[in-house]
Amino acid sequence: MKKLNLAVSLVTDGNDYQREQARDATQAAERLGANAQIIYAQDDAIQQSQQLLNLIQAPPGSRPDAIICHPVGTGLQQVAQAAVSAGVGWAIVNRTVDYLSSLRASAKVPTFCITVDQEEIGRIQARQMAALLPQGGMVLYIQGSSGNYSAEERTKGAQAAKPANVQLRMLRGRFSEESGYEAVKSWMRLSTARQTQIELVCAQNDNMALGARRALEEEGGRWATLQFTGCDATGEPGRDRIRKRILAASIALPLTAGLAIETFVRAYQTGTPPPEHTVLKPASFPSEKDLAALRPVAKG
């Protein structure tokens, strides 16, 4: 079999998880004797769509054999249809789409989805809040980009699973450290912010949590003593932040890009269609049991 050429379209190179995805895909391709081209959309849905269409519409000898895509915005149904019509395999990672069944019915190339349970991430964050705030309180909750699938699913899970004695004050970021910093700085300029008794800061990824921490450390006083939780402690840098107590907790997300590479290679080698959907489970880091044991002593 010829060496497979695979394109991996990721959201941005501006956060740890996306960089880990790129590393995972590259290592899997090298291990399996394939080529992996990493493309970043830089959080721009229109740019991502155009990047992918440029690959699909290239001369036959220059097209990738398959595309692995973590969508910025929509599920890119028209792009997916263009891909399979051109004989290019299509995989969605880290979100679900409702068009895969119909796409697979007519596709002559592998098409599938590998995702992480995003709503469970929100539920884990809610349980982390409960462990760190046994007496309850107000949590500054920093979401990802508006309309982003992961952000909306994580928020849904957190709201459904949080204890009744925990309230969420929502801010909006864009999954980058700078956006977490700016979201908190903007909120602090409101007169009501100074009067709000925040007990914990929870961000939907580690980068936004780090930005929020930097912003509140600049404020000083009680703001500089808050605890922070995030998500994306997948690689060693993320786990090290927990060990050093830079963040109180995070969530280890399974990597999907390397598994997608493996799935394509196996499908092309064997001619066997891959499963339509594979859902991977995230895990609290540290474990929820260990986190409860580390909860701070209540202030008198």
Protein backbone atom coordinates (compact mmCIF):
# COMPACT_ATOMS: atom_id res chain seq x y z
CA MET A 1 0.00 0.00 0.00
CA LYS A 2 1.24 3.49 -0.83
CA LYS A 3 2.19 5.86 1.97
CA LEU A 4 -0.93 7.69 3.13
CA ASN A 5 -1.00 11.48 3.16
CA LEU A 6 -3.27 12.81 5.89
CA ALA A 7 -4.20 16.43 6.65
CA VAL A 8 -5.02 17.37 10.25
CA SER A 9 -7.01 20.58 10.64
CA LEU A 10 -6.87 21.94 14.20
CA VAL A 11 -8.54 24.97 15.76
CA THR A 12 -5.47 26.90 16.90
CA ASP A 13 -1.87 26.54 18.00
CA GLY A 14 -2.67 28.84 20.95
CA ASN A 15 -3.52 26.26 23.61
CA ASP A 16 -1.90 23.20 25.11
CA TYR A 17 -4.46 20.62 24.04
CA GLN A 18 -4.32 21.59 20.38
CA ARG A 19 -0.53 21.43 20.43
CA GLU A 20 -0.72 18.01 22.08
CA GLN A 21 -3.13 16.94 19.33
CA ALA A 22 -0.59 17.99 16.70
CA ARG A 23 2.18 16.09 18.47
CA ASP A 24 -0.04 13.02 18.86
CA ALA A 25 -0.99 13.01 15.17
CA THR A 26 2.60 13.50 14.03
CA GLN A 27 3.91 10.68 16.22
CA ALA A 28 1.14 8.30 15.15
CA ALA A 29 1.81 9.01 11.47
CA GLU A 30 5.54 8.44 11.89
CA ARG A 31 4.91 5.19 13.75
CA LEU A 32 2.54 3.92 11.08
CA GLY A 33 4.50 5.04 8.02
CA ALA A 34 2.11 7.82 6.98
CA ASN A 35 2.51 11.56 6.40
CA ALA A 36 0.59 14.06 8.57
CA GLN A 37 0.23 17.70 7.51
CA ILE A 38 -0.87 19.88 10.44
CA ILE A 39 -2.97 22.95 9.59
CA TYR A 40 -4.20 25.52 12.11
CA ALA A 41 -7.35 27.56 11.48
CA GLN A 42 -6.39 30.12 14.16
CA ASP A 43 -9.93 30.06 15.57
CA ASP A 44 -11.41 31.26 12.27
CA ALA A 45 -14.21 29.10 10.85
CA ILE A 46 -14.16 30.74 7.42
CA GLN A 47 -10.40 30.33 7.16
CA GLN A 48 -10.68 26.67 8.15
CA SER A 49 -13.32 26.01 5.52
CA GLN A 50 -11.21 27.66 2.82
CA GLN A 51 -8.06 25.83 3.88
CA LEU A 52 -9.85 22.50 3.57
CA LEU A 53 -11.50 23.31 0.26
CA ASN A 54 -8.10 24.30 -1.14
CA LEU A 55 -6.80 20.83 -0.20
CA ILE A 56 -9.84 19.04 -1.60
CA GLN A 57 -9.86 20.99 -4.88
CA ALA A 58 -6.14 20.51 -5.52
CA PRO A 59 -5.08 18.32 -8.47
CA PRO A 60 -5.67 14.61 -7.73
CA GLY A 61 -2.00 13.88 -7.16
CA SER A 62 -1.74 16.69 -4.58
CA ARG A 63 -4.85 15.95 -2.54
CA PRO A 64 -4.57 14.27 0.86
CA ASP A 65 -5.94 10.75 1.13
CA ALA A 66 -7.97 11.82 4.16
CA ILE A 67 -8.70 14.81 6.37
CA ILE A 68 -9.01 14.85 10.16
CA CYS A 69 -10.83 17.97 11.29
CA HIS A 70 -11.55 19.59 14.65
CA PRO A 71 -14.13 22.18 13.53
CA VAL A 72 -13.90 25.76 14.74
CA GLY A 73 -17.60 26.46 14.26
CA THR A 74 -20.15 24.36 12.40
CA GLY A 75 -19.63 20.71 11.54
CA LEU A 76 -18.56 21.62 7.96
CA GLN A 77 -21.12 19.41 6.25
CA GLN A 78 -20.61 20.88 2.78
CA VAL A 79 -16.84 20.56 3.10
CA ALA A 80 -17.26 16.96 4.23
CA GLN A 81 -19.44 16.21 1.19
CA ALA A 82 -16.89 17.84 -1.10
CA ALA A 83 -14.15 15.71 0.46
CA VAL A 84 -15.84 12.34 0.01
CA SER A 85 -17.01 13.28 -3.50
CA ALA A 86 -13.35 13.89 -4.35
CA GLY A 87 -12.33 10.54 -2.84
CA VAL A 88 -10.84 12.08 0.32
CA GLY A 89 -11.59 10.36 3.63
CA TRP A 90 -13.22 12.49 6.33
CA ALA A 91 -13.02 12.34 10.12
CA ILE A 92 -14.42 14.76 12.69
CA VAL A 93 -12.76 14.92 16.10
CA ASN A 94 -13.84 16.49 19.38
CA ARG A 95 -17.43 17.18 18.46
CA THR A 96 -20.45 15.33 17.12
CA VAL A 97 -22.23 16.01 13.84
CA ASP A 98 -25.61 14.81 12.60
CA TYR A 99 -24.71 14.17 8.98
CA LEU A 100 -22.29 11.26 9.28
CA SER A 101 -24.83 8.48 8.69
CA SER A 102 -26.03 9.95 5.40
CA LEU A 103 -22.46 10.77 4.37
CA ARG A 104 -21.32 7.21 5.05
CA ALA A 105 -24.25 5.80 3.05
CA SER A 106 -22.81 7.18 -0.18
CA ALA A 107 -19.11 7.54 0.63
CA LYS A 108 -16.56 5.16 -0.90
CA VAL A 109 -13.88 6.35 1.54
CA PRO A 110 -13.68 6.02 5.35
CA THR A 111 -15.73 8.57 7.31
CA PHE A 112 -16.10 8.63 11.08
CA CYS A 113 -16.11 10.68 14.28
CA ILE A 114 -13.91 10.40 17.37
CA THR A 115 -14.87 12.73 20.17
CA VAL A 116 -14.51 13.37 23.89
CA ASP A 117 -17.64 13.57 26.03
CA GLN A 118 -17.75 17.36 26.33
CA GLU A 119 -20.78 17.46 28.60
CA GLU A 120 -18.99 15.11 31.01
CA ILE A 121 -16.15 17.64 31.17
CA GLY A 122 -18.65 20.16 32.53
CA ARG A 123 -19.99 17.62 35.01
CA ILE A 124 -16.46 16.88 36.23
CA GLN A 125 -15.84 20.60 36.67
CA ALA A 126 -19.04 20.83 38.72
CA ARG A 127 -17.88 17.99 40.97
CA GLN A 128 -14.50 19.71 41.36
CA MET A 129 -16.36 22.85 42.48
CA ALA A 130 -18.24 20.77 45.04
CA ALA A 131 -15.01 19.24 46.33
CA LEU A 132 -13.22 22.58 46.65
CA LEU A 133 -16.24 24.50 47.99
CA PRO A 134 -18.05 22.19 50.43
CA GLN A 135 -19.82 25.24 51.90
CA GLY A 136 -20.76 26.53 48.45
CA GLY A 137 -20.23 30.03 47.08
CA MET A 138 -19.86 32.05 43.90
CA VAL A 139 -17.65 30.69 41.10
CA LEU A 140 -16.30 32.87 38.30
CA TYR A 141 -16.88 30.56 35.34
CA ILE A 142 -15.00 31.43 32.14
CA GLN A 143 -16.48 29.86 29.01
CA GLY A 144 -14.90 29.36 25.63
CA SER A 145 -15.97 31.06 22.41
CA SER A 146 -19.65 31.85 21.89
CA GLY A 147 -21.29 29.18 19.72
CA ASN A 148 -18.36 26.80 20.13
CA TYR A 149 -19.62 23.23 20.50
CA SER A 150 -17.20 22.29 23.30
CA ALA A 151 -17.93 25.48 25.24
CA GLU A 152 -21.70 25.03 25.06
CA GLU A 153 -21.60 21.35 26.03
CA ARG A 154 -19.24 21.99 28.95
CA THR A 155 -21.48 24.78 30.22
CA LYS A 156 -24.53 22.52 29.95
CA GLY A 157 -22.81 19.81 31.98
CA ALA A 158 -21.55 22.22 34.64
CA GLN A 159 -24.93 23.86 35.13
CA ALA A 160 -26.70 20.52 35.38
CA ALA A 161 -24.27 18.94 37.86
CA LYS A 162 -23.22 21.81 40.13
CA PRO A 163 -24.43 21.72 43.74
CA ALA A 164 -27.36 23.97 44.60
CA ASN A 165 -25.15 26.00 46.94
CA VAL A 166 -22.74 26.92 44.12
CA GLN A 167 -23.59 29.84 41.84
CA LEU A 168 -21.87 30.59 38.53
CA ARG A 169 -20.94 34.08 37.33
CA MET A 170 -20.35 33.57 33.59
CA LEU A 171 -17.63 35.32 31.60
CA ARG A 172 -16.77 34.67 27.95
CA GLY A 173 -13.27 33.93 26.62
CA ARG A 174 -11.87 32.28 23.48
CA PHE A 175 -9.85 29.36 24.89
CA SER A 176 -6.61 31.40 24.91
CA GLU A 177 -4.66 32.73 27.89
CA GLU A 178 -4.97 36.32 26.70
CA SER A 179 -8.75 36.00 26.35
CA GLY A 180 -9.00 34.73 29.94
CA TYR A 181 -6.94 37.69 31.10
CA GLU A 182 -9.03 40.21 29.15
CA ALA A 183 -12.35 38.68 30.25
CA VAL A 184 -11.43 39.05 33.90
CA LYS A 185 -9.94 42.52 33.44
CA SER A 186 -13.14 43.69 31.70
CA TRP A 187 -15.28 42.21 34.46
CA MET A 188 -13.17 43.86 37.17
CA ARG A 189 -13.93 47.25 35.66
CA LEU A 190 -17.61 46.77 36.59
CA SER A 191 -18.61 48.30 39.93
CA THR A 192 -20.51 45.14 40.84
CA ALA A 193 -17.39 42.98 40.48
CA ARG A 194 -15.72 44.54 43.51
CA GLN A 195 -18.79 43.75 45.59
CA THR A 196 -19.00 40.09 44.50
CA GLN A 197 -17.56 37.50 46.86
CA ILE A 198 -15.86 35.06 44.48
CA GLU A 199 -14.68 31.81 46.08
CA LEU A 200 -13.20 30.01 43.05
CA VAL A 201 -12.33 30.63 39.39
CA CYS A 202 -13.17 27.82 36.96
CA ALA A 203 -12.24 28.12 33.28
CA GLN A 204 -13.12 25.77 30.46
CA ASN A 205 -9.45 25.29 29.67
CA ASP A 206 -6.13 25.76 31.43
CA ASN A 207 -5.01 28.65 29.23
CA MET A 208 -7.98 30.81 30.20
CA ALA A 209 -7.48 29.85 33.85
CA LEU A 210 -3.85 30.99 33.65
CA GLY A 211 -4.91 34.28 32.07
CA ALA A 212 -7.53 34.81 34.77
CA ARG A 213 -4.98 34.07 37.47
CA ARG A 214 -2.58 36.64 36.02
CA ALA A 215 -5.33 39.26 35.90
CA LEU A 216 -6.41 38.68 39.51
CA GLU A 217 -2.84 38.56 40.82
CA GLU A 218 -2.43 42.05 39.39
CA GLU A 219 -5.44 43.15 41.45
CA GLY A 220 -3.81 41.88 44.64
CA GLY A 221 -5.53 41.49 47.99
CA ARG A 222 -8.16 38.77 48.30
CA TRP A 223 -8.22 38.35 44.51
CA ALA A 224 -4.65 37.03 44.53
CA THR A 225 -5.51 34.23 46.97
CA LEU A 226 -8.23 32.51 44.93
CA GLN A 227 -7.94 28.97 43.59
CA PHE A 228 -8.26 28.21 39.88
CA THR A 229 -9.38 25.15 37.93
CA GLY A 230 -9.20 24.46 34.22
CA CYS A 231 -9.20 21.69 31.65
CA ASP A 232 -6.64 20.20 29.22
CA ALA A 233 -4.06 18.76 31.65
CA THR A 234 -3.23 16.18 29.01
CA GLY A 235 0.51 16.60 28.60
CA GLU A 236 3.28 16.97 31.15
CA PRO A 237 3.13 20.80 31.30
CA GLY A 238 -0.54 20.63 32.29
CA ARG A 239 0.03 18.02 34.96
CA ASP A 240 3.01 19.97 36.28
CA ARG A 241 0.77 23.00 36.86
CA ILE A 242 -1.33 20.89 39.23
CA ARG A 243 1.69 19.49 41.05
CA LYS A 244 3.02 23.02 41.59
CA ARG A 245 -0.45 24.21 42.68
CA ILE A 246 -0.57 26.85 39.96
CA LEU A 247 -4.01 25.40 39.30
CA ALA A 248 -5.97 23.49 41.92
CA ALA A 249 -7.44 21.03 39.41
CA SER A 250 -7.82 20.33 35.74
CA ILE A 251 -9.17 17.60 33.46
CA ALA A 252 -7.14 15.13 31.43
CA LEU A 253 -8.61 14.90 27.95
CA PRO A 254 -7.96 11.86 25.76
CA LEU A 255 -6.14 12.77 22.55
CA THR A 256 -8.16 12.01 19.43
CA ALA A 257 -5.96 13.03 16.49
CA GLY A 258 -3.51 10.15 16.80
CA LEU A 259 -6.36 7.66 17.17
CA ALA A 260 -7.93 9.12 14.02
CA ILE A 261 -4.65 8.59 12.15
CA GLU A 262 -4.56 4.97 13.34
CA THR A 263 -8.21 4.49 12.33
CA PHE A 264 -7.59 5.75 8.79
CA VAL A 265 -4.48 3.63 8.32
CA ARG A 266 -6.30 0.51 9.51
CA ALA A 267 -9.35 1.26 7.34
CA TYR A 268 -7.26 1.76 4.19
CA GLN A 269 -5.14 -1.32 4.90
CA THR A 270 -8.03 -3.68 5.62
CA GLY A 271 -10.85 -2.15 3.60
CA THR A 272 -13.07 -2.44 6.68
CA PRO A 273 -15.21 0.62 7.50
CA PRO A 274 -14.40 2.11 10.92
CA PRO A 275 -17.07 2.63 13.60
CA GLU A 276 -19.21 5.67 12.90
CA HIS A 277 -18.82 7.20 16.38
CA THR A 278 -16.25 6.67 19.11
CA VAL A 279 -16.72 8.61 22.37
CA LEU A 280 -13.80 8.88 24.82
CA LYS A 281 -14.12 9.74 28.51
CA PRO A 282 -12.23 12.59 30.25
CA ALA A 283 -10.93 12.28 33.82
CA SER A 284 -10.37 14.68 36.70
CA PHE A 285 -6.76 15.52 37.52
CA PRO A 286 -6.14 15.02 40.35
CA SER A 287 -8.83 12.40 40.85
CA GLU A 288 -12.04 13.62 42.43
CA LYS A 289 -11.28 11.56 45.55
CA ASP A 290 -7.80 13.06 45.89
CA LEU A 291 -9.16 16.54 45.24
CA ALA A 292 -11.69 16.21 48.06
CA ALA A 293 -8.86 15.23 50.41
CA LEU A 294 -6.94 18.39 49.42
CA ARG A 295 -9.83 20.80 49.97
CA PRO A 296 -8.81 23.93 51.87
CA VAL A 297 -9.66 24.37 55.53
CA ALA A 298 -12.63 26.70 55.92
CA LYS A 299 -11.64 30.22 56.95
CA GLY A 300 -12.85 31.36 60.36
